[in-house]
Amino acid sequence: MSVSLLAMVLLVAGVITLFKTVRMVPQGWEWTVERFGRYTETLSPGLHFLIPIVYGIGRKVNMMEQVLEVPSQDVITKDNAVVKVDGIVFFQVLDAAKAAYEVATLEIAILNLVMTNIRTAIGSMDLDESLSKRDEINAKVLVAVDQATHPWGIKVNRIELKDIAPPRDLVEAMARQMKAEREKRANILEAEGFRQAAILKAEGEKQSTILEAEGDKEAAFRQAEARERLAEAEAKATQFVSDAIAGGNVQAINYFVAQKYIEAFKALAEAPNQKFVMMPMESAGVIGSLGGIAELAKESLLQQSGRAAGTAAAPRAGG
């Protein structure tokens, strides 16, 4: 009975010794080895053999990229506005020995560093800047935390602020301010539109006035030219009548008087809103004047025929 018990004890001791001797490190992890409590080396992923009792496993360090949630915290901005901020951190252990022995509670240390630097970055900005410059805040915090964790064998790859939430009353005030700003821009654009329309209208009226003045100028020029030609014709007619009178032809006077009389009568008849024209006149005088016009026309035709005959006879006499 005692022999079997001793054999069983030895078997159990052998199994325990075997497990203590053979070590298998999984992928993505590194284990530190200690000899009597002192760090000696780091085991990479794979199969390893250790002398029991003398050597033992110290820390098992995750070498994969890890994610830490930054809890929400109240932060005061430069203009004394209180906002709630949370975020997320991506980091990776590059040196297992430093991460294991240079700092206690690695994750808590990283979180405290991140939260402190977030308060510092946002506290140096106004509320509007902190809401609009999130990328700048992320970059500042990342540089500061990465430098601080470098002695721990840590590489902080990325820090992102997930949310920056001002108080509700402040959000409502910002909404009113934004609405007022939009209304201001709309009023400015509307006023600019009215101004542009007034300018275009004035330009159009100016061009219209210029064109109208040019038209009036051209019309006046044409009217003056017409009156000048009419006056020349009138002067020639008067000269013709005067020559006829000087030659002793009384019918020319009748022609002149009849022409003026008929023009005056036409002007009276064409007056606006004139339906009837009643005036005394002597029919025999007008008929006599018209007869004088006919006689004057006949004499003019006879004179022109005589001139034509004289012109035709002159070449024959010369021949």
C-alpha atoms as a PDB file:
ATOM      1  CA  MET A   1       0.000   0.000   0.000  1.00  0.00           C
ATOM      2  CA  SER A   2       2.765   2.454   0.840  1.00  0.00           C
ATOM      3  CA  VAL A   3       4.631   1.545  -2.360  1.00  0.00           C
ATOM      4  CA  SER A   4       1.630   2.315  -4.527  1.00  0.00           C
ATOM      5  CA  LEU A   5       1.056   5.603  -2.718  1.00  0.00           C
ATOM      6  CA  LEU A   6       4.693   6.603  -3.229  1.00  0.00           C
ATOM      7  CA  ALA A   7       4.449   5.746  -6.894  1.00  0.00           C
ATOM      8  CA  MET A   8       1.348   7.857  -7.261  1.00  0.00           C
ATOM      9  CA  VAL A   9       3.066  10.817  -5.579  1.00  0.00           C
ATOM     10  CA  LEU A  10       6.049  10.478  -7.857  1.00  0.00           C
ATOM     11  CA  LEU A  11       3.781  10.317 -10.889  1.00  0.00           C
ATOM     12  CA  VAL A  12       1.976  13.495  -9.901  1.00  0.00           C
ATOM     13  CA  ALA A  13       5.287  15.248  -9.212  1.00  0.00           C
ATOM     14  CA  GLY A  14       6.587  14.141 -12.588  1.00  0.00           C
ATOM     15  CA  VAL A  15       3.517  15.506 -14.391  1.00  0.00           C
ATOM     16  CA  ILE A  16       3.803  18.824 -12.566  1.00  0.00           C
ATOM     17  CA  THR A  17       7.520  19.021 -13.362  1.00  0.00           C
ATOM     18  CA  LEU A  18       6.780  18.299 -17.021  1.00  0.00           C
ATOM     19  CA  PHE A  19       4.214  21.083 -17.178  1.00  0.00           C
ATOM     20  CA  LYS A  20       6.614  23.471 -15.470  1.00  0.00           C
ATOM     21  CA  THR A  21       9.388  22.522 -17.873  1.00  0.00           C
ATOM     22  CA  VAL A  22       7.500  22.729 -21.189  1.00  0.00           C
ATOM     23  CA  ARG A  23       6.030  26.193 -21.990  1.00  0.00           C
ATOM     24  CA  MET A  24       4.026  27.066 -25.108  1.00  0.00           C
ATOM     25  CA  VAL A  25       3.568  30.832 -25.774  1.00  0.00           C
ATOM     26  CA  PRO A  26       0.536  31.644 -28.024  1.00  0.00           C
ATOM     27  CA  GLN A  27       0.794  33.933 -31.038  1.00  0.00           C
ATOM     28  CA  GLY A  28       0.401  37.620 -30.199  1.00  0.00           C
ATOM     29  CA  TRP A  29       1.787  37.252 -26.700  1.00  0.00           C
ATOM     30  CA  GLU A  30       5.181  37.391 -25.015  1.00  0.00           C
ATOM     31  CA  TRP A  31       6.045  35.995 -21.578  1.00  0.00           C
ATOM     32  CA  THR A  32       8.763  37.228 -19.307  1.00  0.00           C
ATOM     33  CA  VAL A  33      11.035  34.699 -17.526  1.00  0.00           C
ATOM     34  CA  GLU A  34      12.213  35.249 -13.951  1.00  0.00           C
ATOM     35  CA  ARG A  35      14.939  33.419 -12.053  1.00  0.00           C
ATOM     36  CA  PHE A  36      14.250  33.496  -8.366  1.00  0.00           C
ATOM     37  CA  GLY A  37      12.059  36.578  -8.990  1.00  0.00           C
ATOM     38  CA  ARG A  38      14.548  38.453 -11.198  1.00  0.00           C
ATOM     39  CA  TYR A  39      13.839  39.138 -14.886  1.00  0.00           C
ATOM     40  CA  THR A  40      16.129  37.230 -17.248  1.00  0.00           C
ATOM     41  CA  GLU A  41      14.539  37.022 -20.712  1.00  0.00           C
ATOM     42  CA  THR A  42      11.374  37.239 -22.799  1.00  0.00           C
ATOM     43  CA  LEU A  43       9.781  34.213 -24.447  1.00  0.00           C
ATOM     44  CA  SER A  44       8.438  34.767 -27.973  1.00  0.00           C
ATOM     45  CA  PRO A  45       5.470  32.744 -29.369  1.00  0.00           C
ATOM     46  CA  GLY A  46       6.292  29.030 -29.669  1.00  0.00           C
ATOM     47  CA  LEU A  47       7.524  26.049 -27.595  1.00  0.00           C
ATOM     48  CA  HIS A  48      10.070  26.633 -24.805  1.00  0.00           C
ATOM     49  CA  PHE A  49      11.692  24.538 -22.006  1.00  0.00           C
ATOM     50  CA  LEU A  50      12.440  25.896 -18.536  1.00  0.00           C
ATOM     51  CA  ILE A  51      14.111  24.390 -15.500  1.00  0.00           C
ATOM     52  CA  PRO A  52      11.418  24.133 -12.849  1.00  0.00           C
ATOM     53  CA  ILE A  53      11.759  25.844  -9.474  1.00  0.00           C
ATOM     54  CA  VAL A  54      14.759  27.907 -10.728  1.00  0.00           C
ATOM     55  CA  TYR A  55      12.966  29.634 -13.616  1.00  0.00           C
ATOM     56  CA  GLY A  56       9.379  30.738 -13.698  1.00  0.00           C
ATOM     57  CA  ILE A  57       6.984  32.839 -15.814  1.00  0.00           C
ATOM     58  CA  GLY A  58       6.748  36.441 -14.612  1.00  0.00           C
ATOM     59  CA  ARG A  59       4.230  38.411 -16.791  1.00  0.00           C
ATOM     60  CA  LYS A  60       2.168  37.468 -19.790  1.00  0.00           C
ATOM     61  CA  VAL A  61       2.082  40.550 -22.066  1.00  0.00           C
ATOM     62  CA  ASN A  62      -0.368  41.070 -24.926  1.00  0.00           C
ATOM     63  CA  MET A  63       1.606  42.323 -27.958  1.00  0.00           C
ATOM     64  CA  MET A  64      -1.409  42.924 -30.182  1.00  0.00           C
ATOM     65  CA  GLU A  65      -2.910  46.404 -30.726  1.00  0.00           C
ATOM     66  CA  GLN A  66      -5.369  47.120 -27.955  1.00  0.00           C
ATOM     67  CA  VAL A  67      -8.268  49.522 -27.510  1.00  0.00           C
ATOM     68  CA  LEU A  68      -9.095  51.499 -24.391  1.00  0.00           C
ATOM     69  CA  GLU A  69     -12.333  53.390 -23.830  1.00  0.00           C
ATOM     70  CA  VAL A  70     -11.726  56.822 -22.283  1.00  0.00           C
ATOM     71  CA  PRO A  71     -14.580  57.503 -19.841  1.00  0.00           C
ATOM     72  CA  SER A  72     -16.599  60.708 -20.132  1.00  0.00           C
ATOM     73  CA  GLN A  73     -15.311  63.656 -18.095  1.00  0.00           C
ATOM     74  CA  ASP A  74     -16.227  67.320 -17.600  1.00  0.00           C
ATOM     75  CA  VAL A  75     -13.755  69.731 -19.168  1.00  0.00           C
ATOM     76  CA  ILE A  76     -13.714  73.532 -18.845  1.00  0.00           C
ATOM     77  CA  THR A  77     -12.818  75.465 -21.992  1.00  0.00           C
ATOM     78  CA  LYS A  78     -10.864  78.701 -22.193  1.00  0.00           C
ATOM     79  CA  ASP A  79     -14.086  80.761 -22.158  1.00  0.00           C
ATOM     80  CA  ASN A  80     -15.356  78.872 -19.043  1.00  0.00           C
ATOM     81  CA  ALA A  81     -17.822  76.589 -20.829  1.00  0.00           C
ATOM     82  CA  VAL A  82     -18.221  73.091 -19.393  1.00  0.00           C
ATOM     83  CA  VAL A  83     -18.328  70.217 -21.908  1.00  0.00           C
ATOM     84  CA  LYS A  84     -18.438  66.458 -21.525  1.00  0.00           C
ATOM     85  CA  VAL A  85     -15.700  64.644 -23.453  1.00  0.00           C
ATOM     86  CA  ASP A  86     -14.988  60.970 -24.044  1.00  0.00           C
ATOM     87  CA  GLY A  87     -12.710  59.155 -26.450  1.00  0.00           C
ATOM     88  CA  ILE A  88     -10.885  56.033 -27.495  1.00  0.00           C
ATOM     89  CA  VAL A  89      -7.195  55.051 -27.498  1.00  0.00           C
ATOM     90  CA  PHE A  90      -5.369  52.553 -29.732  1.00  0.00           C
ATOM     91  CA  PHE A  91      -1.990  51.396 -28.405  1.00  0.00           C
ATOM     92  CA  GLN A  92       0.453  48.514 -28.812  1.00  0.00           C
ATOM     93  CA  VAL A  93       3.207  47.081 -26.604  1.00  0.00           C
ATOM     94  CA  LEU A  94       6.573  47.033 -28.355  1.00  0.00           C
ATOM     95  CA  ASP A  95       8.782  45.977 -25.424  1.00  0.00           C
ATOM     96  CA  ALA A  96       7.222  43.364 -23.131  1.00  0.00           C
ATOM     97  CA  ALA A  97       9.857  43.731 -20.390  1.00  0.00           C
ATOM     98  CA  LYS A  98       9.399  47.517 -20.096  1.00  0.00           C
ATOM     99  CA  ALA A  99       5.611  47.225 -20.180  1.00  0.00           C
ATOM    100  CA  ALA A 100       5.775  44.601 -17.451  1.00  0.00           C
ATOM    101  CA  TYR A 101       8.311  46.165 -15.083  1.00  0.00           C
ATOM    102  CA  GLU A 102       8.513  49.930 -15.819  1.00  0.00           C
ATOM    103  CA  VAL A 103       4.942  50.776 -14.851  1.00  0.00           C
ATOM    104  CA  ALA A 104       2.287  49.225 -12.654  1.00  0.00           C
ATOM    105  CA  THR A 105      -1.280  48.911 -13.993  1.00  0.00           C
ATOM    106  CA  LEU A 106      -0.402  49.921 -17.538  1.00  0.00           C
ATOM    107  CA  GLU A 107      -3.937  50.549 -18.783  1.00  0.00           C
ATOM    108  CA  ILE A 108      -4.875  52.787 -15.868  1.00  0.00           C
ATOM    109  CA  ALA A 109      -1.696  54.806 -16.411  1.00  0.00           C
ATOM    110  CA  ILE A 110      -2.499  55.273 -20.109  1.00  0.00           C
ATOM    111  CA  LEU A 111      -6.095  56.336 -19.361  1.00  0.00           C
ATOM    112  CA  ASN A 112      -4.975  58.902 -16.795  1.00  0.00           C
ATOM    113  CA  LEU A 113      -2.434  60.348 -19.217  1.00  0.00           C
ATOM    114  CA  VAL A 114      -5.032  60.622 -21.991  1.00  0.00           C
ATOM    115  CA  MET A 115      -7.669  62.251 -19.783  1.00  0.00           C
ATOM    116  CA  THR A 116      -5.181  64.755 -18.385  1.00  0.00           C
ATOM    117  CA  ASN A 117      -3.928  65.793 -21.811  1.00  0.00           C
ATOM    118  CA  ILE A 118      -7.490  66.097 -23.147  1.00  0.00           C
ATOM    119  CA  ARG A 119      -8.272  68.561 -20.355  1.00  0.00           C
ATOM    120  CA  THR A 120      -5.087  70.494 -21.155  1.00  0.00           C
ATOM    121  CA  ALA A 121      -5.778  70.661 -24.914  1.00  0.00           C
ATOM    122  CA  ILE A 122      -9.434  71.687 -24.633  1.00  0.00           C
ATOM    123  CA  GLY A 123      -8.721  74.081 -21.755  1.00  0.00           C
ATOM    124  CA  SER A 124      -6.471  76.118 -24.068  1.00  0.00           C
ATOM    125  CA  MET A 125      -9.271  76.627 -26.636  1.00  0.00           C
ATOM    126  CA  ASP A 126     -12.574  78.460 -26.781  1.00  0.00           C
ATOM    127  CA  LEU A 127     -15.764  76.452 -27.057  1.00  0.00           C
ATOM    128  CA  ASP A 128     -16.145  77.151 -30.780  1.00  0.00           C
ATOM    129  CA  GLU A 129     -12.554  76.089 -31.412  1.00  0.00           C
ATOM    130  CA  SER A 130     -12.905  72.897 -29.384  1.00  0.00           C
ATOM    131  CA  LEU A 131     -15.997  71.932 -31.387  1.00  0.00           C
ATOM    132  CA  SER A 132     -14.527  72.731 -34.791  1.00  0.00           C
ATOM    133  CA  LYS A 133     -10.876  71.670 -34.296  1.00  0.00           C
ATOM    134  CA  ARG A 134     -11.288  68.097 -33.110  1.00  0.00           C
ATOM    135  CA  ASP A 135      -8.509  66.820 -35.357  1.00  0.00           C
ATOM    136  CA  GLU A 136      -6.103  69.364 -33.870  1.00  0.00           C
ATOM    137  CA  ILE A 137      -7.026  68.244 -30.342  1.00  0.00           C
ATOM    138  CA  ASN A 138      -6.505  64.595 -31.296  1.00  0.00           C
ATOM    139  CA  ALA A 139      -3.065  65.362 -32.705  1.00  0.00           C
ATOM    140  CA  LYS A 140      -1.967  67.321 -29.617  1.00  0.00           C
ATOM    141  CA  VAL A 141      -3.103  64.619 -27.212  1.00  0.00           C
ATOM    142  CA  LEU A 142      -1.542  61.853 -29.326  1.00  0.00           C
ATOM    143  CA  VAL A 143       1.891  63.508 -29.382  1.00  0.00           C
ATOM    144  CA  ALA A 144       1.880  64.183 -25.637  1.00  0.00           C
ATOM    145  CA  VAL A 145       0.706  60.687 -24.618  1.00  0.00           C
ATOM    146  CA  ASP A 146       3.031  58.906 -27.055  1.00  0.00           C
ATOM    147  CA  GLN A 147       6.049  60.756 -25.671  1.00  0.00           C
ATOM    148  CA  ALA A 148       5.004  60.013 -22.082  1.00  0.00           C
ATOM    149  CA  THR A 149       4.464  56.276 -22.681  1.00  0.00           C
ATOM    150  CA  HIS A 150       7.611  55.710 -24.751  1.00  0.00           C
ATOM    151  CA  PRO A 151       9.721  54.712 -21.680  1.00  0.00           C
ATOM    152  CA  TRP A 152       7.142  52.019 -20.948  1.00  0.00           C
ATOM    153  CA  GLY A 153       7.720  50.306 -24.294  1.00  0.00           C
ATOM    154  CA  ILE A 154       4.330  51.493 -25.550  1.00  0.00           C
ATOM    155  CA  LYS A 155       3.399  52.934 -28.953  1.00  0.00           C
ATOM    156  CA  VAL A 156       0.170  54.945 -28.968  1.00  0.00           C
ATOM    157  CA  ASN A 157      -1.086  54.698 -32.541  1.00  0.00           C
ATOM    158  CA  ARG A 158      -4.238  56.763 -32.410  1.00  0.00           C
ATOM    159  CA  ILE A 159      -6.417  58.827 -30.061  1.00  0.00           C
ATOM    160  CA  GLU A 160      -9.908  59.903 -31.101  1.00  0.00           C
ATOM    161  CA  LEU A 161     -12.418  62.073 -29.254  1.00  0.00           C
ATOM    162  CA  LYS A 162     -15.755  60.392 -29.740  1.00  0.00           C
ATOM    163  CA  ASP A 163     -17.997  63.149 -28.422  1.00  0.00           C
ATOM    164  CA  ILE A 164     -17.768  66.735 -27.162  1.00  0.00           C
ATOM    165  CA  ALA A 165     -21.133  67.608 -25.615  1.00  0.00           C
ATOM    166  CA  PRO A 166     -21.840  71.142 -24.311  1.00  0.00           C
ATOM    167  CA  PRO A 167     -24.709  71.686 -21.809  1.00  0.00           C
ATOM    168  CA  ARG A 168     -28.256  71.826 -23.214  1.00  0.00           C
ATOM    169  CA  ASP A 169     -28.772  75.549 -22.529  1.00  0.00           C
ATOM    170  CA  LEU A 170     -25.483  76.302 -24.272  1.00  0.00           C
ATOM    171  CA  VAL A 171     -26.517  74.202 -27.268  1.00  0.00           C
ATOM    172  CA  GLU A 172     -29.801  76.134 -27.499  1.00  0.00           C
ATOM    173  CA  ALA A 173     -27.918  79.449 -27.318  1.00  0.00           C
ATOM    174  CA  MET A 174     -25.570  78.281 -30.077  1.00  0.00           C
ATOM    175  CA  ALA A 175     -28.565  77.259 -32.199  1.00  0.00           C
ATOM    176  CA  ARG A 176     -30.106  80.721 -31.782  1.00  0.00           C
ATOM    177  CA  GLN A 177     -26.780  82.330 -32.653  1.00  0.00           C
ATOM    178  CA  MET A 178     -26.467  80.158 -35.754  1.00  0.00           C
ATOM    179  CA  LYS A 179     -30.020  80.994 -36.804  1.00  0.00           C
ATOM    180  CA  ALA A 180     -29.355  84.717 -36.352  1.00  0.00           C
ATOM    181  CA  GLU A 181     -26.159  84.402 -38.381  1.00  0.00           C
ATOM    182  CA  ARG A 182     -28.017  82.634 -41.200  1.00  0.00           C
ATOM    183  CA  GLU A 183     -30.746  85.292 -41.188  1.00  0.00           C
ATOM    184  CA  LYS A 184     -28.068  87.988 -41.279  1.00  0.00           C
ATOM    185  CA  ARG A 185     -26.407  86.379 -44.298  1.00  0.00           C
ATOM    186  CA  ALA A 186     -29.802  85.984 -45.980  1.00  0.00           C
ATOM    187  CA  ASN A 187     -30.628  89.675 -45.410  1.00  0.00           C
ATOM    188  CA  ILE A 188     -27.228  90.689 -46.739  1.00  0.00           C
ATOM    189  CA  LEU A 189     -27.687  88.555 -49.856  1.00  0.00           C
ATOM    190  CA  GLU A 190     -31.204  89.916 -50.359  1.00  0.00           C
ATOM    191  CA  ALA A 191     -29.999  93.504 -49.987  1.00  0.00           C
ATOM    192  CA  GLU A 192     -27.153  92.790 -52.382  1.00  0.00           C
ATOM    193  CA  GLY A 193     -29.677  91.418 -54.863  1.00  0.00           C
ATOM    194  CA  PHE A 194     -31.843  94.544 -54.580  1.00  0.00           C
ATOM    195  CA  ARG A 195     -28.761  96.717 -54.977  1.00  0.00           C
ATOM    196  CA  GLN A 196     -27.644  94.846 -58.073  1.00  0.00           C
ATOM    197  CA  ALA A 197     -31.156  95.031 -59.520  1.00  0.00           C
ATOM    198  CA  ALA A 198     -31.305  98.791 -58.873  1.00  0.00           C
ATOM    199  CA  ILE A 199     -27.915  99.243 -60.531  1.00  0.00           C
ATOM    200  CA  LEU A 200     -29.000  97.232 -63.568  1.00  0.00           C
ATOM    201  CA  LYS A 201     -32.290  99.149 -63.734  1.00  0.00           C
ATOM    202  CA  ALA A 202     -30.445 102.468 -63.539  1.00  0.00           C
ATOM    203  CA  GLU A 203     -28.022 101.330 -66.231  1.00  0.00           C
ATOM    204  CA  GLY A 204     -30.962 100.322 -68.413  1.00  0.00           C
ATOM    205  CA  GLU A 205     -32.721 103.642 -67.886  1.00  0.00           C
ATOM    206  CA  LYS A 206     -29.473 105.447 -68.620  1.00  0.00           C
ATOM    207  CA  GLN A 207     -29.009 103.542 -71.883  1.00  0.00           C
ATOM    208  CA  SER A 208     -32.658 104.114 -72.757  1.00  0.00           C
ATOM    209  CA  THR A 209     -32.321 107.853 -72.100  1.00  0.00           C
ATOM    210  CA  ILE A 210     -29.148 107.995 -74.178  1.00  0.00           C
ATOM    211  CA  LEU A 211     -30.788 106.132 -77.059  1.00  0.00           C
ATOM    212  CA  GLU A 212     -33.909 108.294 -76.790  1.00  0.00           C
ATOM    213  CA  ALA A 213     -31.775 111.438 -76.845  1.00  0.00           C
ATOM    214  CA  GLU A 214     -29.884 110.106 -79.843  1.00  0.00           C
ATOM    215  CA  GLY A 215     -33.225 109.426 -81.570  1.00  0.00           C
ATOM    216  CA  ASP A 216     -34.540 112.907 -80.732  1.00  0.00           C
ATOM    217  CA  LYS A 217     -31.303 114.395 -82.016  1.00  0.00           C
ATOM    218  CA  GLU A 218     -31.564 112.459 -85.262  1.00  0.00           C
ATOM    219  CA  ALA A 219     -35.263 113.337 -85.608  1.00  0.00           C
ATOM    220  CA  ALA A 220     -34.536 117.032 -84.973  1.00  0.00           C
ATOM    221  CA  PHE A 221     -31.769 116.900 -87.553  1.00  0.00           C
ATOM    222  CA  ARG A 222     -34.125 115.322 -90.069  1.00  0.00           C
ATOM    223  CA  GLN A 223     -36.891 117.835 -89.296  1.00  0.00           C
ATOM    224  CA  ALA A 224     -34.462 120.739 -89.611  1.00  0.00           C
ATOM    225  CA  GLU A 225     -33.245 119.356 -92.908  1.00  0.00           C
ATOM    226  CA  ALA A 226     -36.840 118.980 -94.122  1.00  0.00           C
ATOM    227  CA  ARG A 227     -37.716 122.505 -93.050  1.00  0.00           C
ATOM    228  CA  GLU A 228     -34.583 123.784 -94.765  1.00  0.00           C
ATOM    229  CA  ARG A 229     -35.531 122.074 -98.005  1.00  0.00           C
ATOM    230  CA  LEU A 230     -39.130 123.267 -97.663  1.00  0.00           C
ATOM    231  CA  ALA A 231     -37.872 126.814 -97.095  1.00  0.00           C
ATOM    232  CA  GLU A 232     -35.633 126.515-100.163  1.00  0.00           C
ATOM    233  CA  ALA A 233     -38.600 125.320-102.228  1.00  0.00           C
ATOM    234  CA  GLU A 234     -40.764 128.092-100.793  1.00  0.00           C
ATOM    235  CA  ALA A 235     -38.057 130.646-101.593  1.00  0.00           C
ATOM    236  CA  LYS A 236     -37.784 129.367-105.145  1.00  0.00           C
ATOM    237  CA  ALA A 237     -41.568 129.490-105.579  1.00  0.00           C
ATOM    238  CA  THR A 238     -41.702 133.011-104.148  1.00  0.00           C
ATOM    239  CA  GLN A 239     -38.835 134.064-106.419  1.00  0.00           C
ATOM    240  CA  PHE A 240     -40.641 132.564-109.397  1.00  0.00           C
ATOM    241  CA  VAL A 241     -43.859 134.464-108.481  1.00  0.00           C
ATOM    242  CA  SER A 242     -41.884 137.656-107.910  1.00  0.00           C
ATOM    243  CA  ASP A 243     -40.223 137.311-111.324  1.00  0.00           C
ATOM    244  CA  ALA A 244     -43.607 136.747-112.919  1.00  0.00           C
ATOM    245  CA  ILE A 245     -45.061 139.847-111.233  1.00  0.00           C
ATOM    246  CA  ALA A 246     -42.018 141.906-112.237  1.00  0.00           C
ATOM    247  CA  GLY A 247     -42.671 140.773-115.817  1.00  0.00           C
ATOM    248  CA  GLY A 248     -46.208 142.181-115.628  1.00  0.00           C
ATOM    249  CA  ASN A 249     -48.076 138.888-115.201  1.00  0.00           C
ATOM    250  CA  VAL A 250     -50.969 139.529-112.809  1.00  0.00           C
ATOM    251  CA  GLN A 251     -52.005 135.829-112.727  1.00  0.00           C
ATOM    252  CA  ALA A 252     -48.967 135.044-110.588  1.00  0.00           C
ATOM    253  CA  ILE A 253     -50.461 137.087-107.767  1.00  0.00           C
ATOM    254  CA  ASN A 254     -53.660 135.087-108.016  1.00  0.00           C
ATOM    255  CA  TYR A 255     -51.660 131.839-107.798  1.00  0.00           C
ATOM    256  CA  PHE A 256     -49.824 132.969-104.712  1.00  0.00           C
ATOM    257  CA  VAL A 257     -52.991 134.200-102.945  1.00  0.00           C
ATOM    258  CA  ALA A 258     -54.948 131.037-103.841  1.00  0.00           C
ATOM    259  CA  GLN A 259     -52.190 128.772-102.545  1.00  0.00           C
ATOM    260  CA  LYS A 260     -52.034 130.533 -99.175  1.00  0.00           C
ATOM    261  CA  TYR A 261     -55.813 130.602 -98.930  1.00  0.00           C
ATOM    262  CA  ILE A 262     -56.130 126.872 -99.560  1.00  0.00           C
ATOM    263  CA  GLU A 263     -53.391 126.078 -97.001  1.00  0.00           C
ATOM    264  CA  ALA A 264     -55.151 128.165 -94.341  1.00  0.00           C
ATOM    265  CA  PHE A 265     -58.489 126.500 -95.067  1.00  0.00           C
ATOM    266  CA  LYS A 266     -56.846 123.040 -94.853  1.00  0.00           C
ATOM    267  CA  ALA A 267     -55.345 123.907 -91.445  1.00  0.00           C
ATOM    268  CA  LEU A 268     -58.763 124.910 -90.135  1.00  0.00           C
ATOM    269  CA  ALA A 269     -60.378 121.769 -91.465  1.00  0.00           C
ATOM    270  CA  GLU A 270     -57.685 119.478 -89.918  1.00  0.00           C
ATOM    271  CA  ALA A 271     -57.926 121.065 -86.447  1.00  0.00           C
ATOM    272  CA  PRO A 272     -58.517 118.458 -83.626  1.00  0.00           C
ATOM    273  CA  ASN A 273     -62.153 117.814 -82.589  1.00  0.00           C
ATOM    274  CA  GLN A 274     -63.310 119.937 -85.533  1.00  0.00           C
ATOM    275  CA  LYS A 275     -66.428 118.520 -87.205  1.00  0.00           C
ATOM    276  CA  PHE A 276     -67.786 121.568 -89.014  1.00  0.00           C
ATOM    277  CA  VAL A 277     -66.125 124.612 -90.551  1.00  0.00           C
ATOM    278  CA  MET A 278     -68.371 127.542 -91.330  1.00  0.00           C
ATOM    279  CA  MET A 279     -66.876 130.628 -92.881  1.00  0.00           C
ATOM    280  CA  PRO A 280     -67.975 133.182 -95.534  1.00  0.00           C
ATOM    281  CA  MET A 281     -66.110 133.096 -98.782  1.00  0.00           C
ATOM    282  CA  GLU A 282     -66.529 134.455-102.296  1.00  0.00           C
ATOM    283  CA  SER A 283     -66.690 131.654-104.837  1.00  0.00           C
ATOM    284  CA  ALA A 284     -65.950 133.894-107.789  1.00  0.00           C
ATOM    285  CA  GLY A 285     -62.695 135.112-106.189  1.00  0.00           C
ATOM    286  CA  VAL A 286     -61.467 131.600-105.589  1.00  0.00           C
ATOM    287  CA  ILE A 287     -62.477 130.484-109.092  1.00  0.00           C
ATOM    288  CA  GLY A 288     -60.681 133.494-110.537  1.00  0.00           C
ATOM    289  CA  SER A 289     -57.594 132.612-108.582  1.00  0.00           C
ATOM    290  CA  LEU A 290     -57.743 129.060-109.880  1.00  0.00           C
ATOM    291  CA  GLY A 291     -58.155 130.400-113.396  1.00  0.00           C
ATOM    292  CA  GLY A 292     -55.069 132.527-112.870  1.00  0.00           C
ATOM    293  CA  ILE A 293     -53.199 129.400-111.845  1.00  0.00           C
ATOM    294  CA  ALA A 294     -54.279 127.666-115.049  1.00  0.00           C
ATOM    295  CA  GLU A 295     -53.220 130.626-117.200  1.00  0.00           C
ATOM    296  CA  LEU A 296     -49.876 130.748-115.430  1.00  0.00           C
ATOM    297  CA  ALA A 297     -49.352 127.057-116.080  1.00  0.00           C
ATOM    298  CA  LYS A 298     -50.184 127.492-119.785  1.00  0.00           C
ATOM    299  CA  GLU A 299     -47.738 130.376-120.140  1.00  0.00           C
ATOM    300  CA  SER A 300     -45.039 128.340-118.439  1.00  0.00           C
ATOM    301  CA  LEU A 301     -45.626 125.465-120.855  1.00  0.00           C
ATOM    302  CA  LEU A 302     -45.524 127.839-123.877  1.00  0.00           C
ATOM    303  CA  GLN A 303     -42.285 129.389-122.672  1.00  0.00           C
ATOM    304  CA  GLN A 304     -40.710 125.946-122.211  1.00  0.00           C
ATOM    305  CA  SER A 305     -41.846 124.918-125.742  1.00  0.00           C
ATOM    306  CA  GLY A 306     -40.373 128.102-127.224  1.00  0.00           C
ATOM    307  CA  ARG A 307     -37.049 127.486-125.537  1.00  0.00           C
ATOM    308  CA  ALA A 308     -36.978 123.941-126.853  1.00  0.00           C
ATOM    309  CA  ALA A 309     -37.721 125.103-130.402  1.00  0.00           C
ATOM    310  CA  GLY A 310     -35.014 127.772-130.275  1.00  0.00           C
ATOM    311  CA  THR A 311     -32.523 125.202-129.043  1.00  0.00           C
ATOM    312  CA  ALA A 312     -33.373 122.843-131.926  1.00  0.00           C
ATOM    313  CA  ALA A 313     -33.130 125.614-134.617  1.00  0.00           C
ATOM    314  CA  ALA A 314     -29.739 126.834-133.474  1.00  0.00           C
ATOM    315  CA  PRO A 315     -27.783 123.800-134.792  1.00  0.00           C
ATOM    316  CA  ARG A 316     -29.546 123.951-138.207  1.00  0.00           C
ATOM    317  CA  ALA A 317     -28.644 127.619-138.677  1.00  0.00           C
ATOM    318  CA  GLY A 318     -25.070 126.883-137.872  1.00  0.00           C
ATOM    319  CA  GLY A 319     -25.022 124.058-140.434  1.00  0.00           C
END
